[in-house]
Amino acid sequence: MPQPSSAKKAAATESARRPRGEARRLLLDAARELFARQDYRGTTTREIAEAAGVTEYLLFRHFGSKAGLFREALVLPFTNFVDDFGATWQAVVPEETEEDELAKQFVGRLYDVLVQHQGLLLTLIASDGLSDEEIDSAGIADIRRALTVLGQISAEGMSIRGMRSTQPDLPAHSTVAMIVGMVALRSTFYGSEPPPREAIVDELVQATLHGFLHRP
């Protein structure tokens, strides 16, 4: 009978000492922190495992690869947000919906997702340097598909309001870019003392509503 490898033995011992699911949580937290400081290619599975205080074997056992960990730690929160908002949009009755509240829900939740997962922004900015295989395996293609969904919602919203545009997806993409820029440059703008979250969200909502939806 083959004997377990030393890595497997160490991982089994390590898992036995931790509460169920603790190693997975530690790896996700460490991945989010490291990916927020350095890009996808520059972050290794060994670094993530060491930061999480677990063996590298456990990382592969839980997530299969660095790409699998990146997808779960950073991509899924964004695509899940888009899926949830898409479901909310489908249930909207225009005559019964407060435009300000719907915009605040979208902007606020997206702002929070991006603040909590800033490593996603760093990787998206550097994604031109990734291979097609890396883009697919890490879930970057899923981000692009989610943005396409938001573009479709934008087009539907413009149609409901009787607005016409040759690029009806641009309002949604411009809104996302504005929120991304605020998150990515927040420390550049404000250092260690940014305005309250509610003030930032409200300003983004007003820019979205009066900069895009109410134009002539």
N, C-alpha and C. Protein backbone atom coordinates (compact mmCIF):
# COMPACT_ATOMS: atom_id res chain seq x y z
N MET A 1 0.85 -1.20 0.00
CA MET A 1 0.00 0.00 0.00
C MET A 1 0.88 1.25 0.00
N PRO A 2 0.63 2.24 -0.94
CA PRO A 2 1.47 3.43 -0.98
C PRO A 2 1.30 4.26 0.28
N GLN A 3 2.40 4.85 0.72
CA GLN A 3 2.38 5.66 1.92
C GLN A 3 2.09 7.12 1.58
N PRO A 4 1.36 7.83 2.42
CA PRO A 4 1.09 9.25 2.16
C PRO A 4 2.39 10.04 2.14
N SER A 5 2.44 11.06 1.28
CA SER A 5 3.62 11.92 1.22
C SER A 5 3.72 12.73 2.51
N SER A 6 4.93 13.26 2.76
CA SER A 6 5.12 14.06 3.96
C SER A 6 4.25 15.31 3.94
N ALA A 7 4.04 15.88 2.71
CA ALA A 7 3.19 17.07 2.60
C ALA A 7 1.76 16.75 2.99
N LYS A 8 1.28 15.59 2.55
CA LYS A 8 -0.08 15.19 2.88
C LYS A 8 -0.21 14.92 4.37
N LYS A 9 0.81 14.28 4.94
CA LYS A 9 0.78 14.01 6.38
C LYS A 9 0.74 15.32 7.16
N ALA A 10 1.59 16.28 6.75
CA ALA A 10 1.63 17.57 7.45
C ALA A 10 0.30 18.29 7.32
N ALA A 11 -0.27 18.22 6.11
CA ALA A 11 -1.55 18.90 5.90
C ALA A 11 -2.65 18.27 6.72
N ALA A 12 -2.64 16.93 6.81
CA ALA A 12 -3.66 16.24 7.59
C ALA A 12 -3.55 16.60 9.06
N THR A 13 -2.31 16.66 9.57
CA THR A 13 -2.10 17.04 10.96
C THR A 13 -2.55 18.47 11.20
N GLU A 14 -2.18 19.33 10.25
CA GLU A 14 -2.53 20.74 10.35
C GLU A 14 -4.04 20.94 10.36
N SER A 15 -4.75 20.23 9.45
CA SER A 15 -6.21 20.34 9.36
C SER A 15 -6.88 19.87 10.63
N ALA A 16 -6.31 18.84 11.24
CA ALA A 16 -6.91 18.29 12.45
C ALA A 16 -6.86 19.29 13.60
N ARG A 17 -5.89 20.20 13.55
CA ARG A 17 -5.75 21.17 14.64
C ARG A 17 -6.65 22.39 14.45
N ARG A 18 -7.17 22.61 13.25
CA ARG A 18 -7.93 23.83 12.96
C ARG A 18 -9.42 23.54 12.90
N PRO A 19 -10.24 24.53 13.21
CA PRO A 19 -11.69 24.36 13.02
C PRO A 19 -11.98 24.10 11.55
N ARG A 20 -13.06 23.40 11.29
CA ARG A 20 -13.44 23.07 9.91
C ARG A 20 -13.61 24.35 9.09
N GLY A 21 -12.98 24.39 7.93
CA GLY A 21 -13.08 25.53 7.04
C GLY A 21 -12.12 26.66 7.34
N GLU A 22 -11.36 26.54 8.44
CA GLU A 22 -10.46 27.62 8.83
C GLU A 22 -9.32 27.81 7.83
N ALA A 23 -8.74 26.71 7.36
CA ALA A 23 -7.63 26.82 6.40
C ALA A 23 -8.09 27.50 5.12
N ARG A 24 -9.27 27.15 4.67
CA ARG A 24 -9.83 27.77 3.46
C ARG A 24 -10.01 29.28 3.65
N ARG A 25 -10.54 29.67 4.80
CA ARG A 25 -10.75 31.09 5.08
C ARG A 25 -9.41 31.82 5.13
N LEU A 26 -8.42 31.23 5.79
CA LEU A 26 -7.10 31.85 5.90
C LEU A 26 -6.48 32.04 4.52
N LEU A 27 -6.62 31.06 3.66
CA LEU A 27 -6.07 31.16 2.31
C LEU A 27 -6.76 32.25 1.50
N LEU A 28 -8.08 32.35 1.61
CA LEU A 28 -8.81 33.38 0.88
C LEU A 28 -8.40 34.77 1.37
N ASP A 29 -8.29 34.94 2.69
CA ASP A 29 -7.89 36.23 3.25
C ASP A 29 -6.47 36.60 2.81
N ALA A 30 -5.56 35.63 2.87
CA ALA A 30 -4.17 35.89 2.48
C ALA A 30 -4.09 36.22 0.99
N ALA A 31 -4.86 35.52 0.18
CA ALA A 31 -4.84 35.78 -1.26
C ALA A 31 -5.34 37.19 -1.55
N ARG A 32 -6.44 37.60 -0.90
CA ARG A 32 -6.97 38.95 -1.14
C ARG A 32 -5.95 40.01 -0.75
N GLU A 33 -5.25 39.79 0.35
CA GLU A 33 -4.27 40.77 0.80
C GLU A 33 -3.07 40.84 -0.14
N LEU A 34 -2.55 39.68 -0.55
CA LEU A 34 -1.37 39.68 -1.41
C LEU A 34 -1.69 40.18 -2.81
N PHE A 35 -2.82 39.74 -3.38
CA PHE A 35 -3.18 40.20 -4.71
C PHE A 35 -3.46 41.70 -4.74
N ALA A 36 -3.79 42.28 -3.60
CA ALA A 36 -4.03 43.72 -3.53
C ALA A 36 -2.71 44.50 -3.54
N ARG A 37 -1.59 43.82 -3.25
CA ARG A 37 -0.29 44.50 -3.21
C ARG A 37 0.56 44.21 -4.42
N GLN A 38 0.33 43.09 -5.09
CA GLN A 38 1.14 42.72 -6.24
C GLN A 38 0.26 41.99 -7.24
N ASP A 39 0.67 42.00 -8.50
CA ASP A 39 -0.22 41.48 -9.53
C ASP A 39 -0.31 39.96 -9.51
N TYR A 40 -1.15 39.45 -10.39
CA TYR A 40 -1.44 38.01 -10.42
C TYR A 40 -0.18 37.20 -10.68
N ARG A 41 0.57 37.60 -11.69
CA ARG A 41 1.77 36.84 -12.03
C ARG A 41 2.83 36.94 -10.94
N GLY A 42 2.88 38.07 -10.25
CA GLY A 42 3.91 38.28 -9.25
C GLY A 42 3.65 37.62 -7.92
N THR A 43 2.48 37.00 -7.77
CA THR A 43 2.11 36.35 -6.51
C THR A 43 2.20 34.84 -6.68
N THR A 44 2.91 34.17 -5.79
CA THR A 44 3.08 32.72 -5.89
C THR A 44 2.22 31.99 -4.87
N THR A 45 1.95 30.74 -5.16
CA THR A 45 1.17 29.93 -4.22
C THR A 45 1.93 29.74 -2.90
N ARG A 46 3.24 29.68 -2.99
CA ARG A 46 4.03 29.53 -1.76
C ARG A 46 3.86 30.75 -0.87
N GLU A 47 3.90 31.96 -1.47
CA GLU A 47 3.72 33.18 -0.70
C GLU A 47 2.34 33.21 -0.03
N ILE A 48 1.33 32.81 -0.77
CA ILE A 48 -0.03 32.83 -0.22
C ILE A 48 -0.14 31.84 0.94
N ALA A 49 0.40 30.64 0.75
CA ALA A 49 0.33 29.62 1.81
C ALA A 49 1.07 30.09 3.05
N GLU A 50 2.25 30.68 2.86
CA GLU A 50 3.03 31.17 4.01
C GLU A 50 2.29 32.29 4.73
N ALA A 51 1.68 33.20 3.97
CA ALA A 51 0.94 34.30 4.59
C ALA A 51 -0.28 33.77 5.36
N ALA A 52 -0.86 32.69 4.85
CA ALA A 52 -2.02 32.10 5.52
C ALA A 52 -1.62 31.21 6.69
N GLY A 53 -0.34 30.84 6.76
CA GLY A 53 0.12 29.98 7.84
C GLY A 53 -0.29 28.53 7.65
N VAL A 54 -0.43 28.11 6.38
CA VAL A 54 -0.79 26.72 6.09
C VAL A 54 0.19 26.19 5.06
N THR A 55 0.11 24.89 4.79
CA THR A 55 0.99 24.31 3.79
C THR A 55 0.49 24.61 2.38
N GLU A 56 1.42 24.63 1.44
CA GLU A 56 1.04 24.85 0.05
C GLU A 56 0.14 23.72 -0.45
N TYR A 57 0.35 22.52 0.10
CA TYR A 57 -0.49 21.38 -0.30
C TYR A 57 -1.97 21.67 -0.03
N LEU A 58 -2.26 22.33 1.10
CA LEU A 58 -3.65 22.63 1.42
C LEU A 58 -4.26 23.61 0.42
N LEU A 59 -3.43 24.53 -0.06
CA LEU A 59 -3.93 25.47 -1.07
C LEU A 59 -4.41 24.70 -2.30
N PHE A 60 -3.57 23.78 -2.77
CA PHE A 60 -3.94 23.00 -3.96
C PHE A 60 -5.11 22.07 -3.68
N ARG A 61 -5.18 21.57 -2.46
CA ARG A 61 -6.28 20.66 -2.14
C ARG A 61 -7.62 21.41 -2.14
N HIS A 62 -7.63 22.64 -1.65
CA HIS A 62 -8.88 23.39 -1.57
C HIS A 62 -9.25 24.07 -2.88
N PHE A 63 -8.25 24.56 -3.63
CA PHE A 63 -8.56 25.40 -4.79
C PHE A 63 -8.01 24.88 -6.11
N GLY A 64 -7.15 23.90 -6.07
CA GLY A 64 -6.64 23.30 -7.30
C GLY A 64 -5.46 24.01 -7.91
N SER A 65 -5.43 25.33 -7.84
CA SER A 65 -4.37 26.11 -8.48
C SER A 65 -4.45 27.55 -7.98
N LYS A 66 -3.44 28.33 -8.34
CA LYS A 66 -3.49 29.76 -8.03
C LYS A 66 -4.66 30.42 -8.73
N ALA A 67 -4.91 30.01 -9.97
CA ALA A 67 -6.02 30.58 -10.73
C ALA A 67 -7.35 30.28 -10.04
N GLY A 68 -7.50 29.05 -9.53
CA GLY A 68 -8.73 28.68 -8.85
C GLY A 68 -8.94 29.49 -7.58
N LEU A 69 -7.85 29.75 -6.86
CA LEU A 69 -7.92 30.56 -5.65
C LEU A 69 -8.25 32.02 -6.00
N PHE A 70 -7.62 32.55 -7.03
CA PHE A 70 -7.89 33.92 -7.45
C PHE A 70 -9.35 34.07 -7.86
N ARG A 71 -9.84 33.10 -8.60
CA ARG A 71 -11.23 33.16 -9.06
C ARG A 71 -12.19 33.21 -7.88
N GLU A 72 -11.96 32.35 -6.88
CA GLU A 72 -12.88 32.31 -5.74
C GLU A 72 -12.72 33.52 -4.83
N ALA A 73 -11.48 33.97 -4.64
CA ALA A 73 -11.22 35.07 -3.71
C ALA A 73 -11.66 36.41 -4.26
N LEU A 74 -11.49 36.62 -5.57
CA LEU A 74 -11.68 37.96 -6.12
C LEU A 74 -12.69 38.07 -7.25
N VAL A 75 -12.80 37.05 -8.08
CA VAL A 75 -13.70 37.15 -9.23
C VAL A 75 -15.14 36.87 -8.83
N LEU A 76 -15.36 35.81 -8.06
CA LEU A 76 -16.73 35.44 -7.70
C LEU A 76 -17.49 36.54 -6.96
N PRO A 77 -16.87 37.27 -6.03
CA PRO A 77 -17.63 38.36 -5.39
C PRO A 77 -18.17 39.37 -6.40
N PHE A 78 -17.39 39.66 -7.46
CA PHE A 78 -17.85 40.61 -8.46
C PHE A 78 -18.95 40.02 -9.33
N THR A 79 -18.74 38.81 -9.84
CA THR A 79 -19.75 38.21 -10.71
C THR A 79 -21.03 37.90 -9.94
N ASN A 80 -20.90 37.53 -8.66
CA ASN A 80 -22.10 37.30 -7.84
C ASN A 80 -22.88 38.59 -7.65
N PHE A 81 -22.16 39.70 -7.46
CA PHE A 81 -22.82 41.00 -7.35
C PHE A 81 -23.60 41.32 -8.62
N VAL A 82 -22.98 41.10 -9.78
CA VAL A 82 -23.65 41.40 -11.05
C VAL A 82 -24.87 40.49 -11.22
N ASP A 83 -24.73 39.21 -10.87
CA ASP A 83 -25.87 38.29 -10.97
C ASP A 83 -27.02 38.76 -10.08
N ASP A 84 -26.69 39.15 -8.85
CA ASP A 84 -27.73 39.60 -7.91
C ASP A 84 -28.40 40.87 -8.42
N PHE A 85 -27.60 41.81 -8.92
CA PHE A 85 -28.19 43.05 -9.42
C PHE A 85 -29.02 42.78 -10.67
N GLY A 86 -28.57 41.84 -11.50
CA GLY A 86 -29.35 41.48 -12.68
C GLY A 86 -30.72 40.95 -12.29
N ALA A 87 -30.76 40.13 -11.23
CA ALA A 87 -32.04 39.60 -10.76
C ALA A 87 -32.92 40.73 -10.21
N THR A 88 -32.29 41.68 -9.50
CA THR A 88 -33.03 42.83 -9.00
C THR A 88 -33.60 43.64 -10.16
N TRP A 89 -32.79 43.84 -11.18
CA TRP A 89 -33.23 44.62 -12.34
C TRP A 89 -34.41 43.95 -13.04
N GLN A 90 -34.37 42.63 -13.16
CA GLN A 90 -35.46 41.92 -13.82
C GLN A 90 -36.78 42.08 -13.07
N ALA A 91 -36.69 42.28 -11.76
CA ALA A 91 -37.90 42.41 -10.94
C ALA A 91 -38.39 43.85 -10.84
N VAL A 92 -37.64 44.78 -11.42
CA VAL A 92 -38.00 46.20 -11.30
C VAL A 92 -39.26 46.52 -12.10
N VAL A 93 -40.17 47.25 -11.47
CA VAL A 93 -41.33 47.83 -12.15
C VAL A 93 -41.05 49.33 -12.24
N PRO A 94 -40.72 49.84 -13.43
CA PRO A 94 -40.27 51.23 -13.55
C PRO A 94 -41.17 52.24 -12.86
N GLU A 95 -42.49 52.08 -12.99
CA GLU A 95 -43.41 53.05 -12.42
C GLU A 95 -43.41 53.04 -10.89
N GLU A 96 -42.91 51.93 -10.30
CA GLU A 96 -42.96 51.79 -8.86
C GLU A 96 -41.57 51.84 -8.22
N THR A 97 -40.57 52.19 -9.01
CA THR A 97 -39.19 52.14 -8.52
C THR A 97 -38.61 53.54 -8.37
N GLU A 98 -38.01 53.79 -7.21
CA GLU A 98 -37.31 55.04 -6.97
C GLU A 98 -35.94 54.96 -7.63
N GLU A 99 -35.72 55.81 -8.60
CA GLU A 99 -34.47 55.79 -9.35
C GLU A 99 -33.26 55.99 -8.44
N ASP A 100 -33.38 56.93 -7.50
CA ASP A 100 -32.26 57.20 -6.58
C ASP A 100 -31.90 55.98 -5.76
N GLU A 101 -32.91 55.27 -5.28
CA GLU A 101 -32.66 54.11 -4.43
C GLU A 101 -32.00 52.97 -5.21
N LEU A 102 -32.47 52.75 -6.44
CA LEU A 102 -31.89 51.70 -7.27
C LEU A 102 -30.43 52.03 -7.59
N ALA A 103 -30.16 53.29 -7.93
CA ALA A 103 -28.80 53.71 -8.23
C ALA A 103 -27.91 53.58 -7.00
N LYS A 104 -28.43 53.96 -5.85
CA LYS A 104 -27.64 53.87 -4.61
C LYS A 104 -27.34 52.42 -4.27
N GLN A 105 -28.30 51.54 -4.50
CA GLN A 105 -28.07 50.11 -4.25
C GLN A 105 -26.95 49.59 -5.14
N PHE A 106 -27.00 49.94 -6.43
CA PHE A 106 -25.99 49.46 -7.36
C PHE A 106 -24.61 50.04 -7.03
N VAL A 107 -24.53 51.36 -6.91
CA VAL A 107 -23.24 52.01 -6.68
C VAL A 107 -22.66 51.61 -5.34
N GLY A 108 -23.47 51.59 -4.29
CA GLY A 108 -22.97 51.26 -2.96
C GLY A 108 -22.43 49.85 -2.87
N ARG A 109 -23.17 48.90 -3.42
CA ARG A 109 -22.72 47.51 -3.35
C ARG A 109 -21.47 47.29 -4.19
N LEU A 110 -21.43 47.88 -5.38
CA LEU A 110 -20.24 47.71 -6.22
C LEU A 110 -19.02 48.37 -5.57
N TYR A 111 -19.22 49.55 -5.00
CA TYR A 111 -18.12 50.22 -4.30
C TYR A 111 -17.57 49.33 -3.18
N ASP A 112 -18.46 48.74 -2.39
CA ASP A 112 -18.03 47.89 -1.28
C ASP A 112 -17.29 46.65 -1.79
N VAL A 113 -17.80 46.03 -2.84
CA VAL A 113 -17.14 44.84 -3.40
C VAL A 113 -15.73 45.17 -3.84
N LEU A 114 -15.56 46.31 -4.51
CA LEU A 114 -14.24 46.68 -5.03
C LEU A 114 -13.29 47.09 -3.91
N VAL A 115 -13.79 47.77 -2.88
CA VAL A 115 -12.93 48.12 -1.74
C VAL A 115 -12.43 46.86 -1.04
N GLN A 116 -13.30 45.88 -0.88
CA GLN A 116 -12.94 44.65 -0.18
C GLN A 116 -12.08 43.72 -1.02
N HIS A 117 -12.04 43.94 -2.34
CA HIS A 117 -11.30 43.03 -3.23
C HIS A 117 -10.45 43.83 -4.21
N GLN A 118 -9.59 44.68 -3.66
CA GLN A 118 -8.82 45.59 -4.51
C GLN A 118 -7.80 44.87 -5.38
N GLY A 119 -7.44 43.64 -5.01
CA GLY A 119 -6.53 42.87 -5.85
C GLY A 119 -7.11 42.60 -7.22
N LEU A 120 -8.43 42.58 -7.31
CA LEU A 120 -9.08 42.39 -8.60
C LEU A 120 -8.78 43.56 -9.52
N LEU A 121 -8.80 44.78 -8.98
CA LEU A 121 -8.51 45.96 -9.78
C LEU A 121 -7.10 45.92 -10.33
N LEU A 122 -6.14 45.56 -9.47
CA LEU A 122 -4.74 45.52 -9.88
C LEU A 122 -4.55 44.53 -11.01
N THR A 123 -5.20 43.38 -10.91
CA THR A 123 -5.04 42.36 -11.94
C THR A 123 -5.76 42.75 -13.23
N LEU A 124 -6.92 43.37 -13.12
CA LEU A 124 -7.64 43.81 -14.31
C LEU A 124 -6.84 44.86 -15.07
N ILE A 125 -6.21 45.77 -14.34
CA ILE A 125 -5.40 46.81 -14.97
C ILE A 125 -4.23 46.19 -15.73
N ALA A 126 -3.68 45.10 -15.17
CA ALA A 126 -2.52 44.45 -15.80
C ALA A 126 -2.91 43.30 -16.71
N SER A 127 -4.21 43.12 -16.96
CA SER A 127 -4.66 41.92 -17.68
C SER A 127 -4.20 41.87 -19.13
N ASP A 128 -3.84 43.01 -19.71
CA ASP A 128 -3.33 43.00 -21.08
C ASP A 128 -2.05 42.18 -21.19
N GLY A 129 -1.33 42.05 -20.07
CA GLY A 129 -0.10 41.29 -20.09
C GLY A 129 -0.28 39.81 -19.81
N LEU A 130 -1.53 39.38 -19.56
CA LEU A 130 -1.79 37.97 -19.28
C LEU A 130 -2.09 37.23 -20.58
N SER A 131 -1.75 35.95 -20.59
CA SER A 131 -2.06 35.12 -21.75
C SER A 131 -3.54 34.79 -21.76
N ASP A 132 -4.05 34.34 -22.92
CA ASP A 132 -5.45 33.93 -23.01
C ASP A 132 -5.76 32.82 -22.03
N GLU A 133 -4.82 31.91 -21.83
CA GLU A 133 -5.03 30.81 -20.89
C GLU A 133 -5.16 31.33 -19.46
N GLU A 134 -4.30 32.28 -19.10
CA GLU A 134 -4.37 32.86 -17.76
C GLU A 134 -5.67 33.63 -17.56
N ILE A 135 -6.10 34.34 -18.58
CA ILE A 135 -7.34 35.11 -18.50
C ILE A 135 -8.53 34.18 -18.28
N ASP A 136 -8.55 33.06 -18.99
CA ASP A 136 -9.66 32.10 -18.84
C ASP A 136 -9.60 31.40 -17.49
N SER A 137 -8.43 30.90 -17.10
CA SER A 137 -8.33 30.11 -15.88
C SER A 137 -8.55 30.95 -14.62
N ALA A 138 -8.11 32.21 -14.64
CA ALA A 138 -8.25 33.06 -13.46
C ALA A 138 -9.62 33.72 -13.38
N GLY A 139 -10.43 33.60 -14.43
CA GLY A 139 -11.78 34.13 -14.39
C GLY A 139 -11.92 35.54 -14.92
N ILE A 140 -10.85 36.09 -15.50
CA ILE A 140 -10.94 37.45 -16.05
C ILE A 140 -12.00 37.50 -17.15
N ALA A 141 -12.11 36.42 -17.91
CA ALA A 141 -13.15 36.36 -18.95
C ALA A 141 -14.54 36.46 -18.34
N ASP A 142 -14.71 35.92 -17.12
CA ASP A 142 -16.01 36.01 -16.44
C ASP A 142 -16.33 37.47 -16.07
N ILE A 143 -15.30 38.23 -15.71
CA ILE A 143 -15.49 39.65 -15.42
C ILE A 143 -15.97 40.37 -16.67
N ARG A 144 -15.36 40.05 -17.79
CA ARG A 144 -15.75 40.69 -19.05
C ARG A 144 -17.19 40.34 -19.42
N ARG A 145 -17.57 39.10 -19.17
CA ARG A 145 -18.96 38.71 -19.47
C ARG A 145 -19.93 39.44 -18.53
N ALA A 146 -19.53 39.61 -17.27
CA ALA A 146 -20.38 40.33 -16.32
C ALA A 146 -20.55 41.78 -16.74
N LEU A 147 -19.49 42.39 -17.24
CA LEU A 147 -19.59 43.77 -17.72
C LEU A 147 -20.50 43.87 -18.93
N THR A 148 -20.52 42.82 -19.74
CA THR A 148 -21.44 42.78 -20.88
C THR A 148 -22.88 42.78 -20.39
N VAL A 149 -23.15 42.03 -19.31
CA VAL A 149 -24.50 42.00 -18.72
C VAL A 149 -24.89 43.40 -18.25
N LEU A 150 -23.96 44.10 -17.59
CA LEU A 150 -24.27 45.45 -17.13
C LEU A 150 -24.54 46.38 -18.31
N GLY A 151 -23.82 46.16 -19.40
CA GLY A 151 -24.07 46.96 -20.60
C GLY A 151 -25.46 46.72 -21.16
N GLN A 152 -25.92 45.47 -21.08
CA GLN A 152 -27.27 45.16 -21.55
C GLN A 152 -28.33 45.82 -20.67
N ILE A 153 -28.08 45.81 -19.35
CA ILE A 153 -29.00 46.49 -18.43
C ILE A 153 -29.04 47.98 -18.73
N SER A 154 -27.87 48.54 -19.01
CA SER A 154 -27.81 49.96 -19.37
C SER A 154 -28.65 50.25 -20.60
N ALA A 155 -28.54 49.40 -21.61
CA ALA A 155 -29.31 49.61 -22.84
C ALA A 155 -30.80 49.52 -22.58
N GLU A 156 -31.20 48.56 -21.74
CA GLU A 156 -32.63 48.41 -21.41
C GLU A 156 -33.13 49.64 -20.65
N GLY A 157 -32.31 50.15 -19.72
CA GLY A 157 -32.70 51.32 -18.95
C GLY A 157 -32.88 52.54 -19.84
N MET A 158 -31.99 52.70 -20.80
CA MET A 158 -32.10 53.84 -21.72
C MET A 158 -33.35 53.70 -22.58
N SER A 159 -33.65 52.48 -22.99
CA SER A 159 -34.83 52.26 -23.82
C SER A 159 -36.10 52.58 -23.05
N ILE A 160 -36.15 52.16 -21.78
CA ILE A 160 -37.32 52.44 -20.94
C ILE A 160 -37.56 53.94 -20.83
N ARG A 161 -36.46 54.71 -20.75
CA ARG A 161 -36.58 56.16 -20.60
C ARG A 161 -36.71 56.88 -21.95
N GLY A 162 -36.81 56.12 -23.03
CA GLY A 162 -36.97 56.73 -24.33
C GLY A 162 -35.73 57.41 -24.85
N MET A 163 -34.57 56.99 -24.32
CA MET A 163 -33.30 57.59 -24.74
C MET A 163 -32.68 56.75 -25.84
N ARG A 164 -31.96 57.40 -26.73
CA ARG A 164 -31.34 56.70 -27.85
C ARG A 164 -29.84 56.95 -27.84
N SER A 165 -29.09 55.93 -28.17
CA SER A 165 -27.64 56.06 -28.23
C SER A 165 -27.08 55.01 -29.16
N THR A 166 -26.03 55.35 -29.88
CA THR A 166 -25.37 54.36 -30.73
C THR A 166 -24.49 53.43 -29.90
N GLN A 167 -24.22 53.82 -28.65
CA GLN A 167 -23.42 53.00 -27.73
C GLN A 167 -24.15 52.90 -26.39
N PRO A 168 -25.27 52.17 -26.32
CA PRO A 168 -26.08 52.16 -25.10
C PRO A 168 -25.43 51.46 -23.91
N ASP A 169 -24.35 50.73 -24.14
CA ASP A 169 -23.66 50.08 -23.03
C ASP A 169 -22.69 51.02 -22.31
N LEU A 170 -22.36 52.13 -22.95
CA LEU A 170 -21.36 53.03 -22.38
C LEU A 170 -21.75 53.65 -21.04
N PRO A 171 -23.02 54.01 -20.80
CA PRO A 171 -23.34 54.55 -19.47
C PRO A 171 -22.98 53.59 -18.34
N ALA A 172 -23.31 52.30 -18.48
CA ALA A 172 -22.97 51.34 -17.43
C ALA A 172 -21.47 51.19 -17.30
N HIS A 173 -20.77 51.07 -18.41
CA HIS A 173 -19.33 50.88 -18.35
C HIS A 173 -18.64 52.13 -17.81
N SER A 174 -19.15 53.32 -18.15
CA SER A 174 -18.58 54.56 -17.62
C SER A 174 -18.80 54.65 -16.12
N THR A 175 -19.98 54.20 -15.66
CA THR A 175 -20.27 54.21 -14.23
C THR A 175 -19.32 53.29 -13.47
N VAL A 176 -19.14 52.07 -14.01
CA VAL A 176 -18.22 51.13 -13.37
C VAL A 176 -16.81 51.71 -13.34
N ALA A 177 -16.38 52.31 -14.46
CA ALA A 177 -15.03 52.88 -14.52
C ALA A 177 -14.87 54.00 -13.50
N MET A 178 -15.91 54.80 -13.31
CA MET A 178 -15.86 55.89 -12.33
C MET A 178 -15.71 55.33 -10.91
N ILE A 179 -16.46 54.28 -10.60
CA ILE A 179 -16.38 53.68 -9.27
C ILE A 179 -15.02 53.01 -9.07
N VAL A 180 -14.55 52.30 -10.09
CA VAL A 180 -13.23 51.67 -10.04
C VAL A 180 -12.16 52.73 -9.79
N GLY A 181 -12.24 53.85 -10.50
CA GLY A 181 -11.25 54.90 -10.33
C GLY A 181 -11.26 55.48 -8.93
N MET A 182 -12.45 55.67 -8.36
CA MET A 182 -12.53 56.19 -6.99
C MET A 182 -11.89 55.24 -6.00
N VAL A 183 -12.14 53.93 -6.18
CA VAL A 183 -11.55 52.95 -5.26
C VAL A 183 -10.04 52.87 -5.46
N ALA A 184 -9.60 52.78 -6.73
CA ALA A 184 -8.18 52.60 -7.01
C ALA A 184 -7.34 53.81 -6.60
N LEU A 185 -7.93 55.01 -6.69
CA LEU A 185 -7.17 56.24 -6.41
C LEU A 185 -7.56 56.89 -5.09
N ARG A 186 -8.32 56.17 -4.29
CA ARG A 186 -8.81 56.76 -3.04
C ARG A 186 -7.67 57.24 -2.15
N SER A 187 -6.63 56.42 -1.98
CA SER A 187 -5.52 56.83 -1.13
C SER A 187 -4.72 57.96 -1.77
N THR A 188 -4.66 57.98 -3.12
CA THR A 188 -3.97 59.06 -3.82
C THR A 188 -4.71 60.39 -3.60
N PHE A 189 -6.03 60.33 -3.66
CA PHE A 189 -6.83 61.53 -3.46
C PHE A 189 -6.79 62.02 -2.02
N TYR A 190 -6.93 61.08 -1.08
CA TYR A 190 -7.22 61.48 0.30
C TYR A 190 -6.22 60.98 1.34
N GLY A 191 -5.21 60.22 0.93
CA GLY A 191 -4.27 59.70 1.91
C GLY A 191 -4.95 58.73 2.85
N SER A 192 -4.64 58.84 4.12
CA SER A 192 -5.18 57.90 5.11
C SER A 192 -6.52 58.35 5.68
N GLU A 193 -7.05 59.50 5.21
CA GLU A 193 -8.31 60.01 5.76
C GLU A 193 -9.31 60.32 4.63
N PRO A 194 -9.84 59.28 3.98
CA PRO A 194 -10.83 59.53 2.93
C PRO A 194 -12.15 59.99 3.52
N PRO A 195 -13.02 60.60 2.72
CA PRO A 195 -14.35 60.97 3.20
C PRO A 195 -15.11 59.73 3.65
N PRO A 196 -16.18 59.90 4.42
CA PRO A 196 -16.98 58.74 4.83
C PRO A 196 -17.51 57.99 3.62
N ARG A 197 -17.66 56.71 3.78
CA ARG A 197 -18.15 55.86 2.69
C ARG A 197 -19.46 56.39 2.12
N GLU A 198 -20.39 56.81 2.98
CA GLU A 198 -21.69 57.29 2.51
C GLU A 198 -21.55 58.54 1.65
N ALA A 199 -20.61 59.42 2.00
CA ALA A 199 -20.41 60.64 1.21
C ALA A 199 -19.87 60.29 -0.18
N ILE A 200 -18.95 59.34 -0.25
CA ILE A 200 -18.40 58.92 -1.54
C ILE A 200 -19.48 58.28 -2.40
N VAL A 201 -20.25 57.38 -1.81
CA VAL A 201 -21.30 56.69 -2.56
C VAL A 201 -22.33 57.69 -3.05
N ASP A 202 -22.72 58.65 -2.21
CA ASP A 202 -23.72 59.63 -2.62
C ASP A 202 -23.21 60.46 -3.79
N GLU A 203 -21.95 60.85 -3.75
CA GLU A 203 -21.39 61.64 -4.86
C GLU A 203 -21.37 60.82 -6.15
N LEU A 204 -21.01 59.56 -6.05
CA LEU A 204 -21.00 58.69 -7.23
C LEU A 204 -22.41 58.49 -7.78
N VAL A 205 -23.39 58.37 -6.88
CA VAL A 205 -24.78 58.22 -7.30
C VAL A 205 -25.24 59.47 -8.05
N GLN A 206 -24.94 60.64 -7.51
CA GLN A 206 -25.37 61.88 -8.16
C GLN A 206 -24.71 62.04 -9.52
N ALA A 207 -23.43 61.68 -9.61
CA ALA A 207 -22.74 61.75 -10.90
C ALA A 207 -23.35 60.79 -11.90
N THR A 208 -23.73 59.61 -11.41
CA THR A 208 -24.35 58.62 -12.29
C THR A 208 -25.70 59.09 -12.80
N LEU A 209 -26.55 59.53 -11.89
CA LEU A 209 -27.90 59.93 -12.27
C LEU A 209 -27.92 61.18 -13.14
N HIS A 210 -27.23 62.21 -12.71
CA HIS A 210 -27.33 63.49 -13.39
C HIS A 210 -26.28 63.66 -14.49
N GLY A 211 -25.27 62.78 -14.46
CA GLY A 211 -24.27 62.84 -15.52
C GLY A 211 -24.61 61.98 -16.70
N PHE A 212 -25.44 60.92 -16.47
CA PHE A 212 -25.73 59.99 -17.54
C PHE A 212 -27.23 59.91 -17.86
N LEU A 213 -28.05 59.72 -16.85
CA LEU A 213 -29.46 59.42 -17.13
C LEU A 213 -30.29 60.65 -17.45
N HIS A 214 -29.92 61.79 -16.94
CA HIS A 214 -30.74 62.98 -17.13
C HIS A 214 -30.17 63.96 -18.14
N ARG A 215 -29.27 63.50 -18.94
CA ARG A 215 -28.73 64.40 -19.95
C ARG A 215 -29.73 64.61 -21.08
N PRO A 216 -29.61 65.67 -21.82
CA PRO A 216 -30.59 65.93 -22.88
C PRO A 216 -30.43 64.94 -24.03
